[in-house]
């Protein structure tokens, strides 16, 4: 085996993971809303290069192998892919559906690489954490300075709290910008930071670090946690709280004193920091959970309306869906009085999937998710994967970006691939004659 090729794949993977959260892109066909936009994303270009290298490596390694035992989740993906492909032919906006289908194939390719290349999980997670840390640093500065900047090379846009449509906290004193980092929305930032925080916990309870490395990681954890809080993403807060409870009680049941003693400082540090944050910014927290406020009433009404629209689309396109990536256009076509910015995807990934690829595609999507969830619970690290999947489920129930946005689709398959690597089981293609 060509060790140079293996090294090139390995370092390309590190480079990709570090740049994964960045939204650098070159727009080919612009649109009023980015749901109908066609663009070349830097992270997808890296995935294409990485996949090309890996399939050369995979071919060289297995060229003399005639028969493979194919894990079940790949067969489920094939079924999902079939119904996604079929949905393209009923789409009212063919170019967007074809574009989204290519992104789906690239995301699956990444998933395949993560499961079949002998990755260094510790380094992968460290590079991922460092990439998210840069976003968190920007996010913390955005909130406390209440200013923002745009940079097309980093994929960041300018967010002005005085402009309608910007995510803010409204107080009597005025409108305050929530943390975006360099991502499209504070809720996306909160979700990405959540996965980075769980990754930090996993690293420090499963691997050994020297004193200064631990100090550095705790500092990174502090900035990550601060950015999670200043995103004011309730779904990310919920995911973080539930995940820490899952880890805490799992370790009690597991009766592994060594790991439990490593986790307790994290838990104590997090609780203390959150209490201080709540005390200092209690008016912001109250506003975020005040369901009678103008912004919250508007948000609730919009989400109820989105669910009703989704039900109508599902009813009209039950079997094969409205077309991958075509929800936005289908909604506009069915409701001409809606303004473009009002035609938002339903804030529920499962309903959005059902709407776009129909009943059969939805069944395969849920089957794939549940099958990986079950498999990820095998092995001694089940409590980490239980936390990751709990977070995924929360974000999928309360938002749509893991399916609707190019970054979200790639990120979803990245987390799924990492979760199976965290599990002690093997999910590689297995040659029957080896």
Protein backbone atom coordinates (compact mmCIF):
# COMPACT_ATOMS: atom_id res chain seq x y z
CA UNK A 1 0.00 0.00 0.00
CA UNK A 2 1.25 3.45 -0.93
CA UNK A 3 1.92 5.13 2.42
CA UNK A 4 2.23 8.50 0.65
CA UNK A 5 -1.34 8.14 -0.59
CA UNK A 6 -2.51 7.22 2.89
CA UNK A 7 -0.76 10.29 4.34
CA UNK A 8 -2.27 12.52 1.67
CA UNK A 9 -5.75 11.21 2.49
CA UNK A 10 -5.12 11.59 6.21
CA UNK A 11 -3.96 15.22 6.01
CA UNK A 12 -6.66 16.09 3.49
CA UNK A 13 -9.19 14.78 5.98
CA UNK A 14 -7.71 16.94 8.76
CA UNK A 15 -7.82 19.97 6.45
CA UNK A 16 -11.45 19.27 5.58
CA UNK A 17 -12.54 18.79 9.19
CA UNK A 18 -10.88 22.05 10.24
CA UNK A 19 -12.60 23.98 7.43
CA UNK A 20 -15.94 22.15 7.72
CA UNK A 21 -17.79 24.95 9.57
CA UNK A 22 -16.68 27.64 7.10
CA UNK A 23 -19.19 28.65 4.42
CA UNK A 24 -16.78 29.80 1.71
CA UNK A 25 -18.48 29.47 -1.67
CA UNK A 26 -18.57 30.68 -5.26
CA UNK A 27 -22.12 31.42 -6.39
CA UNK A 28 -23.01 30.10 -9.85
CA UNK A 29 -26.75 30.86 -9.88
CA UNK A 30 -27.93 33.37 -7.29
CA UNK A 31 -31.45 33.51 -5.87
CA UNK A 32 -33.47 35.72 -3.53
CA UNK A 33 -33.21 32.99 -0.90
CA UNK A 34 -30.24 30.64 -0.62
CA UNK A 35 -32.57 27.60 -0.73
CA UNK A 36 -32.67 28.03 -4.53
CA UNK A 37 -29.04 29.04 -4.87
CA UNK A 38 -26.50 26.95 -6.77
CA UNK A 39 -22.91 27.44 -5.63
CA UNK A 40 -19.55 25.71 -5.36
CA UNK A 41 -18.66 25.25 -1.68
CA UNK A 42 -15.03 24.94 -0.63
CA UNK A 43 -15.75 22.13 1.82
CA UNK A 44 -17.50 20.11 -0.91
CA UNK A 45 -14.54 20.64 -3.25
CA UNK A 46 -12.27 19.21 -0.56
CA UNK A 47 -14.66 16.25 -0.12
CA UNK A 48 -14.53 15.62 -3.87
CA UNK A 49 -10.71 15.63 -3.81
CA UNK A 50 -10.66 13.48 -0.67
CA UNK A 51 -13.12 10.98 -2.13
CA UNK A 52 -11.11 10.71 -5.35
CA UNK A 53 -7.96 9.89 -3.39
CA UNK A 54 -9.78 7.46 -1.13
CA UNK A 55 -11.38 5.44 -3.92
CA UNK A 56 -7.93 5.01 -5.52
CA UNK A 57 -6.71 3.79 -2.15
CA UNK A 58 -9.76 1.56 -1.69
CA UNK A 59 -9.35 0.03 -5.15
CA UNK A 60 -5.65 -0.70 -4.62
CA UNK A 61 -6.37 -2.28 -1.26
CA UNK A 62 -9.23 -4.48 -2.46
CA UNK A 63 -8.54 -5.07 -6.18
CA UNK A 64 -7.94 -8.78 -5.62
CA UNK A 65 -11.06 -9.19 -3.52
CA UNK A 66 -14.03 -10.66 -5.35
CA UNK A 67 -16.71 -10.77 -2.69
CA UNK A 68 -17.70 -8.32 0.03
CA UNK A 69 -19.99 -8.50 3.00
CA UNK A 70 -21.82 -5.17 2.76
CA UNK A 71 -23.04 -3.69 6.07
CA UNK A 72 -26.78 -3.13 6.23
CA UNK A 73 -26.63 0.66 6.53
CA UNK A 74 -25.12 0.92 3.03
CA UNK A 75 -28.09 -1.00 1.64
CA UNK A 76 -30.44 1.40 3.43
CA UNK A 77 -28.53 4.35 1.91
CA UNK A 78 -29.02 2.83 -1.55
CA UNK A 79 -32.77 2.71 -0.91
CA UNK A 80 -32.75 6.30 0.32
CA UNK A 81 -30.72 7.37 -2.69
CA UNK A 82 -33.19 5.70 -5.05
CA UNK A 83 -36.18 7.65 -3.78
CA UNK A 84 -34.20 10.90 -3.59
CA UNK A 85 -33.28 10.37 -7.24
CA UNK A 86 -36.91 9.66 -8.19
CA UNK A 87 -38.02 12.87 -6.43
CA UNK A 88 -35.87 14.91 -8.82
CA UNK A 89 -38.21 14.09 -11.71
CA UNK A 90 -41.24 15.63 -9.98
CA UNK A 91 -39.37 18.76 -8.91
CA UNK A 92 -40.59 22.16 -10.16
CA UNK A 93 -37.02 23.44 -10.08
CA UNK A 94 -34.85 20.74 -11.67
CA UNK A 95 -31.49 22.55 -11.49
CA UNK A 96 -31.71 22.99 -7.71
CA UNK A 97 -32.81 19.38 -7.17
CA UNK A 98 -29.91 18.06 -9.27
CA UNK A 99 -27.53 20.31 -7.35
CA UNK A 100 -28.85 19.07 -3.99
CA UNK A 101 -28.62 15.47 -5.22
CA UNK A 102 -24.91 15.95 -6.00
CA UNK A 103 -24.43 17.37 -2.50
CA UNK A 104 -26.17 14.31 -1.06
CA UNK A 105 -23.83 12.00 -2.99
CA UNK A 106 -20.77 13.94 -1.78
CA UNK A 107 -22.05 13.73 1.81
CA UNK A 108 -22.54 9.96 1.52
CA UNK A 109 -19.04 9.73 0.04
CA UNK A 110 -17.65 11.49 3.12
CA UNK A 111 -19.56 9.04 5.33
CA UNK A 112 -18.02 6.13 3.40
CA UNK A 113 -14.50 7.55 3.82
CA UNK A 114 -14.95 8.08 7.56
CA UNK A 115 -16.07 4.49 8.01
CA UNK A 116 -13.56 2.74 5.76
CA UNK A 117 -10.32 4.67 6.24
CA UNK A 118 -8.25 4.02 9.32
CA UNK A 119 -8.70 7.50 10.82
CA UNK A 120 -7.04 8.89 13.92
CA UNK A 121 -10.20 9.80 15.84
CA UNK A 122 -8.33 11.88 18.41
CA UNK A 123 -6.74 14.11 15.75
CA UNK A 124 -9.97 14.33 13.72
CA UNK A 125 -11.85 15.63 16.76
CA UNK A 126 -9.05 18.04 17.69
CA UNK A 127 -9.08 19.62 14.22
CA UNK A 128 -12.88 19.81 14.32
CA UNK A 129 -12.79 21.50 17.73
CA UNK A 130 -10.16 24.01 16.58
CA UNK A 131 -12.24 24.92 13.51
CA UNK A 132 -15.35 25.49 15.65
CA UNK A 133 -13.24 27.40 18.20
CA UNK A 134 -12.46 30.05 15.59
CA UNK A 135 -16.19 30.52 14.97
CA UNK A 136 -16.82 30.66 18.72
CA UNK A 137 -14.16 33.35 19.16
CA UNK A 138 -15.86 35.48 16.50
CA UNK A 139 -19.25 34.74 18.07
CA UNK A 140 -18.20 35.90 21.54
CA UNK A 141 -16.77 39.12 20.08
CA UNK A 142 -20.00 39.70 18.11
CA UNK A 143 -22.15 39.54 21.20
CA UNK A 144 -20.06 41.51 23.67
CA UNK A 145 -18.99 44.18 21.16
CA UNK A 146 -22.41 44.16 19.43
CA UNK A 147 -20.71 44.58 16.09
CA UNK A 148 -20.07 42.32 13.13
CA UNK A 149 -18.04 42.08 9.95
CA UNK A 150 -18.36 40.28 6.64
CA UNK A 151 -15.70 38.31 4.82
CA UNK A 152 -16.55 36.43 1.65
CA UNK A 153 -13.42 34.30 1.90
CA UNK A 154 -14.47 32.99 5.32
CA UNK A 155 -18.12 32.72 4.30
CA UNK A 156 -19.29 35.30 6.85
CA UNK A 157 -22.05 37.84 6.23
CA UNK A 158 -22.73 41.16 7.97
CA UNK A 159 -25.51 41.05 10.58
CA UNK A 160 -26.94 44.38 11.71
CA UNK A 161 -29.26 44.18 14.78
CA UNK A 162 -31.19 47.22 13.53
CA UNK A 163 -32.20 45.39 10.34
CA UNK A 164 -35.37 43.28 10.36
CA UNK A 165 -34.61 39.59 9.82
CA UNK A 166 -31.44 39.62 11.92
CA UNK A 167 -31.65 37.30 14.94
CA UNK A 168 -31.72 39.46 18.04
CA UNK A 169 -32.81 39.65 21.67
CA UNK A 170 -35.33 42.45 22.17
CA UNK A 171 -35.21 44.38 25.46
CA UNK A 172 -36.55 47.76 26.52
CA UNK A 173 -33.02 49.07 25.96
CA UNK A 174 -33.06 47.99 22.31
CA UNK A 175 -32.22 45.11 19.99
CA UNK A 176 -29.13 43.04 20.81
CA UNK A 177 -27.36 40.83 18.28
CA UNK A 178 -27.23 37.12 19.01
CA UNK A 179 -23.96 35.33 18.22
CA UNK A 180 -23.69 34.01 14.66
CA UNK A 181 -19.99 33.26 14.39
CA UNK A 182 -19.38 32.88 10.66
CA UNK A 183 -22.46 30.70 10.19
CA UNK A 184 -25.89 31.46 8.73
CA UNK A 185 -27.87 31.56 11.97
CA UNK A 186 -27.29 31.54 15.76
CA UNK A 187 -29.19 28.23 16.01
CA UNK A 188 -26.71 26.65 13.60
CA UNK A 189 -23.82 28.07 15.61
CA UNK A 190 -25.33 26.66 18.80
CA UNK A 191 -25.73 23.21 17.26
CA UNK A 192 -22.20 23.07 15.82
CA UNK A 193 -20.72 24.27 19.12
CA UNK A 194 -22.75 21.63 20.97
CA UNK A 195 -21.05 18.85 18.99
CA UNK A 196 -17.65 20.46 19.59
CA UNK A 197 -18.33 20.56 23.35
CA UNK A 198 -19.29 16.88 23.46
CA UNK A 199 -16.14 16.14 21.44
CA UNK A 200 -14.03 17.96 24.04
CA UNK A 201 -15.63 15.94 26.83
CA UNK A 202 -14.99 12.70 24.95
CA UNK A 203 -11.33 13.56 24.33
CA UNK A 204 -10.55 14.45 27.94
CA UNK A 205 -12.26 11.43 29.47
CA UNK A 206 -10.89 8.90 26.95
CA UNK A 207 -7.37 10.14 26.15
CA UNK A 208 -4.41 11.33 28.16
CA UNK A 209 -3.08 14.89 27.88
CA UNK A 210 -0.29 16.66 29.73
CA UNK A 211 -0.94 19.60 32.08
CA UNK A 212 -0.54 22.40 29.51
CA UNK A 213 -2.57 20.56 26.92
CA UNK A 214 -5.39 20.24 29.44
CA UNK A 215 -5.17 23.96 30.25
CA UNK A 216 -5.42 24.79 26.54
CA UNK A 217 -8.38 22.45 26.06
CA UNK A 218 -10.20 23.90 29.07
CA UNK A 219 -9.69 27.41 27.66
CA UNK A 220 -11.12 26.28 24.32
CA UNK A 221 -14.02 24.68 26.21
CA UNK A 222 -14.66 27.98 28.01
CA UNK A 223 -14.90 29.93 24.72
CA UNK A 224 -17.06 27.21 23.15
CA UNK A 225 -19.45 27.22 26.10
CA UNK A 226 -19.62 31.02 26.13
CA UNK A 227 -20.49 31.07 22.42
CA UNK A 228 -23.15 28.41 22.99
CA UNK A 229 -24.76 30.61 25.63
CA UNK A 230 -24.51 33.85 23.61
CA UNK A 231 -26.11 32.16 20.61
CA UNK A 232 -29.27 32.09 22.76
CA UNK A 233 -30.27 28.94 20.87
CA UNK A 234 -32.84 27.19 23.05
CA UNK A 235 -32.50 23.94 21.10
CA UNK A 236 -28.71 23.96 21.65
CA UNK A 237 -29.18 24.72 25.35
CA UNK A 238 -31.67 21.86 25.61
CA UNK A 239 -29.37 19.46 23.77
CA UNK A 240 -26.42 20.41 25.98
CA UNK A 241 -28.41 19.99 29.21
CA UNK A 242 -29.89 16.63 28.23
CA UNK A 243 -26.55 15.33 26.95
CA UNK A 244 -24.73 16.16 30.18
CA UNK A 245 -27.46 14.45 32.18
CA UNK A 246 -27.17 11.41 29.91
CA UNK A 247 -23.40 11.24 30.39
CA UNK A 248 -23.70 11.80 34.15
CA UNK A 249 -26.26 9.05 34.79
CA UNK A 250 -24.66 6.68 32.26
CA UNK A 251 -21.34 6.92 34.09
CA UNK A 252 -23.08 6.27 37.42
CA UNK A 253 -24.69 3.15 35.97
CA UNK A 254 -21.44 2.18 34.25
CA UNK A 255 -19.61 2.39 37.62
CA UNK A 256 -16.36 3.43 35.95
CA UNK A 257 -14.81 5.61 38.66
CA UNK A 258 -11.86 6.64 36.50
CA UNK A 259 -14.00 8.12 33.71
CA UNK A 260 -16.53 9.54 36.21
CA UNK A 261 -13.76 11.42 38.04
CA UNK A 262 -12.62 12.92 34.73
CA UNK A 263 -16.17 14.04 33.90
CA UNK A 264 -17.07 15.66 37.24
CA UNK A 265 -14.71 18.67 36.73
CA UNK A 266 -16.44 19.32 33.39
CA UNK A 267 -19.86 19.12 34.97
CA UNK A 268 -18.92 21.38 37.90
CA UNK A 269 -17.13 23.87 35.65
CA UNK A 270 -20.09 24.02 33.25
CA UNK A 271 -22.74 24.41 35.95
CA UNK A 272 -20.80 27.15 37.73
CA UNK A 273 -20.15 29.04 34.51
CA UNK A 274 -23.79 28.80 33.40
CA UNK A 275 -25.05 30.03 36.79
CA UNK A 276 -22.76 33.09 36.55
CA UNK A 277 -23.92 33.73 32.99
CA UNK A 278 -27.59 33.50 34.02
CA UNK A 279 -27.00 35.88 36.92
CA UNK A 280 -25.26 38.52 34.78
CA UNK A 281 -27.54 38.31 31.73
CA UNK A 282 -30.82 37.28 33.38
CA UNK A 283 -32.84 39.90 31.46
CA UNK A 284 -31.64 38.39 28.16
CA UNK A 285 -32.56 34.90 29.31
CA UNK A 286 -35.99 36.02 30.49
CA UNK A 287 -36.67 37.69 27.15
CA UNK A 288 -35.66 34.53 25.27
CA UNK A 289 -38.13 32.44 27.26
CA UNK A 290 -40.92 35.02 27.46
CA UNK A 291 -43.50 33.53 25.11
CA UNK A 292 -45.60 36.72 25.32
CA UNK A 293 -42.89 38.89 23.74
CA UNK A 294 -43.39 40.15 20.20
CA UNK A 295 -40.57 38.10 18.68
CA UNK A 296 -41.59 34.88 20.41
CA UNK A 297 -45.25 35.24 19.42
CA UNK A 298 -44.14 35.87 15.84
CA UNK A 299 -41.82 32.83 15.92
CA UNK A 300 -44.53 30.52 17.32
CA UNK A 301 -47.11 31.69 14.76
CA UNK A 302 -44.62 31.22 11.91
CA UNK A 303 -43.76 27.69 13.00
CA UNK A 304 -47.40 26.67 13.36
CA UNK A 305 -48.03 28.06 9.88
CA UNK A 306 -45.01 26.17 8.51
CA UNK A 307 -46.33 22.87 9.90
CA UNK A 308 -49.69 23.50 8.22
CA UNK A 309 -47.99 24.30 4.90
CA UNK A 310 -45.89 21.14 5.24
CA UNK A 311 -49.01 19.02 5.82
CA UNK A 312 -50.54 20.44 2.65
CA UNK A 313 -47.42 19.67 0.60
CA UNK A 314 -47.21 16.14 2.01
CA UNK A 315 -50.88 15.60 1.18
CA UNK A 316 -50.37 16.80 -2.40
CA UNK A 317 -47.08 14.90 -2.95
CA UNK A 318 -47.45 11.89 -0.67
CA UNK A 319 -45.61 9.16 -2.56
CA UNK A 320 -42.63 10.81 -4.25
CA UNK A 321 -42.48 14.23 -2.60
CA UNK A 322 -42.23 17.71 -4.07
CA UNK A 323 -38.60 17.17 -5.14
CA UNK A 324 -35.30 17.29 -3.31
CA UNK A 325 -34.55 20.91 -2.41
CA UNK A 326 -37.81 22.08 -3.99
CA UNK A 327 -39.85 22.75 -0.84
CA UNK A 328 -39.29 26.52 -1.02
CA UNK A 329 -40.40 26.76 -4.66
CA UNK A 330 -43.32 24.37 -4.15
CA UNK A 331 -44.54 26.50 -1.25
CA UNK A 332 -44.33 29.68 -3.37
CA UNK A 333 -46.14 28.02 -6.27
CA UNK A 334 -48.97 26.83 -4.00
CA UNK A 335 -49.22 30.16 -2.16
CA UNK A 336 -48.62 33.04 -4.63
CA UNK A 337 -49.40 35.65 -1.97
CA UNK A 338 -46.40 34.57 0.11
CA UNK A 339 -43.34 36.77 -0.15
CA UNK A 340 -40.08 35.01 -0.98
CA UNK A 341 -38.59 35.53 2.48
CA UNK A 342 -41.80 34.22 4.10
CA UNK A 343 -41.56 30.85 2.32
CA UNK A 344 -39.34 29.24 4.92
CA UNK A 345 -38.82 25.47 5.14
CA UNK A 346 -40.78 23.84 7.94
CA UNK A 347 -38.67 23.87 11.11
CA UNK A 348 -38.63 20.11 11.43
CA UNK A 349 -36.15 18.02 9.46
CA UNK A 350 -38.39 14.94 9.41
CA UNK A 351 -41.39 16.86 8.02
CA UNK A 352 -39.12 18.55 5.47
CA UNK A 353 -37.70 15.20 4.33
CA UNK A 354 -41.25 13.78 4.06
CA UNK A 355 -42.33 16.84 2.06
CA UNK A 356 -39.42 16.69 -0.40
CA UNK A 357 -38.85 12.98 -1.06
CA UNK A 358 -42.20 11.45 -0.17
CA UNK A 359 -43.35 8.59 2.02
CA UNK A 360 -40.94 5.92 0.76
CA UNK A 361 -37.90 8.17 0.97
CA UNK A 362 -38.99 9.27 4.45
CA UNK A 363 -39.23 5.64 5.60
CA UNK A 364 -35.67 4.94 4.41
CA UNK A 365 -34.39 8.16 6.02
CA UNK A 366 -35.88 7.30 9.43
CA UNK A 367 -34.76 3.67 9.07
CA UNK A 368 -31.19 4.83 8.35
CA UNK A 369 -31.18 7.19 11.34
CA UNK A 370 -32.59 4.62 13.77
CA UNK A 371 -30.33 1.84 12.49
CA UNK A 372 -27.20 3.95 13.00
CA UNK A 373 -28.46 5.03 16.40
CA UNK A 374 -28.84 1.40 17.47
CA UNK A 375 -25.40 0.45 16.10
CA UNK A 376 -23.70 3.44 17.70
CA UNK A 377 -24.80 2.28 21.16
CA UNK A 378 -22.62 -0.83 20.88
CA UNK A 379 -19.35 -0.65 22.75
CA UNK A 380 -18.06 1.11 25.83
CA UNK A 381 -18.54 4.66 24.49
CA UNK A 382 -22.30 4.31 24.11
CA UNK A 383 -22.97 7.23 26.48
CA UNK A 384 -21.13 9.67 24.16
CA UNK A 385 -23.05 8.46 21.12
CA UNK A 386 -26.30 8.59 23.05
CA UNK A 387 -25.50 12.25 23.74
CA UNK A 388 -24.64 12.96 20.10
CA UNK A 389 -27.81 11.34 18.78
CA UNK A 390 -29.93 13.07 21.41
CA UNK A 391 -28.55 16.38 20.17
CA UNK A 392 -29.14 15.41 16.54
CA UNK A 393 -32.72 14.44 17.31
CA UNK A 394 -33.42 17.75 19.07
CA UNK A 395 -31.95 19.79 16.21
CA UNK A 396 -33.88 17.77 13.65
CA UNK A 397 -37.18 18.18 15.52
CA UNK A 398 -36.84 21.94 15.99
CA UNK A 399 -35.00 23.02 12.82
CA UNK A 400 -34.45 22.22 9.16
CA UNK A 401 -30.86 23.22 8.32
CA UNK A 402 -29.43 19.68 8.60
CA UNK A 403 -31.39 18.86 5.43
CA UNK A 404 -32.15 22.18 3.74
CA UNK A 405 -28.69 23.77 3.69
CA UNK A 406 -25.60 22.41 1.86
CA UNK A 407 -23.51 22.76 5.00
CA UNK A 408 -26.15 20.96 7.08
CA UNK A 409 -26.28 17.88 4.87
CA UNK A 410 -22.49 17.49 4.92
CA UNK A 411 -22.38 18.11 8.67
CA UNK A 412 -25.10 15.52 9.31
CA UNK A 413 -23.16 12.75 7.56
CA UNK A 414 -19.94 13.86 9.25
CA UNK A 415 -21.51 13.46 12.71
CA UNK A 416 -23.04 10.11 11.76
CA UNK A 417 -19.66 8.87 10.52
CA UNK A 418 -17.87 10.08 13.64
CA UNK A 419 -20.45 8.43 15.90
CA UNK A 420 -19.73 5.01 14.39
CA UNK A 421 -16.00 5.59 14.80
CA UNK A 422 -16.58 6.41 18.46
CA UNK A 423 -18.37 3.07 18.79
CA UNK A 424 -16.00 0.13 19.32
CA UNK A 425 -17.63 -1.89 16.53
CA UNK A 426 -16.36 -2.03 12.94
CA UNK A 427 -18.53 -0.86 10.04
CA UNK A 428 -16.11 -1.29 7.16
CA UNK A 429 -16.64 -3.30 4.01
CA UNK A 430 -15.41 -6.77 4.94
CA UNK A 431 -13.87 -9.03 2.32
CA UNK A 432 -15.38 -12.51 2.72
CA UNK A 433 -12.27 -14.28 1.46
CA UNK A 434 -9.84 -12.56 3.81
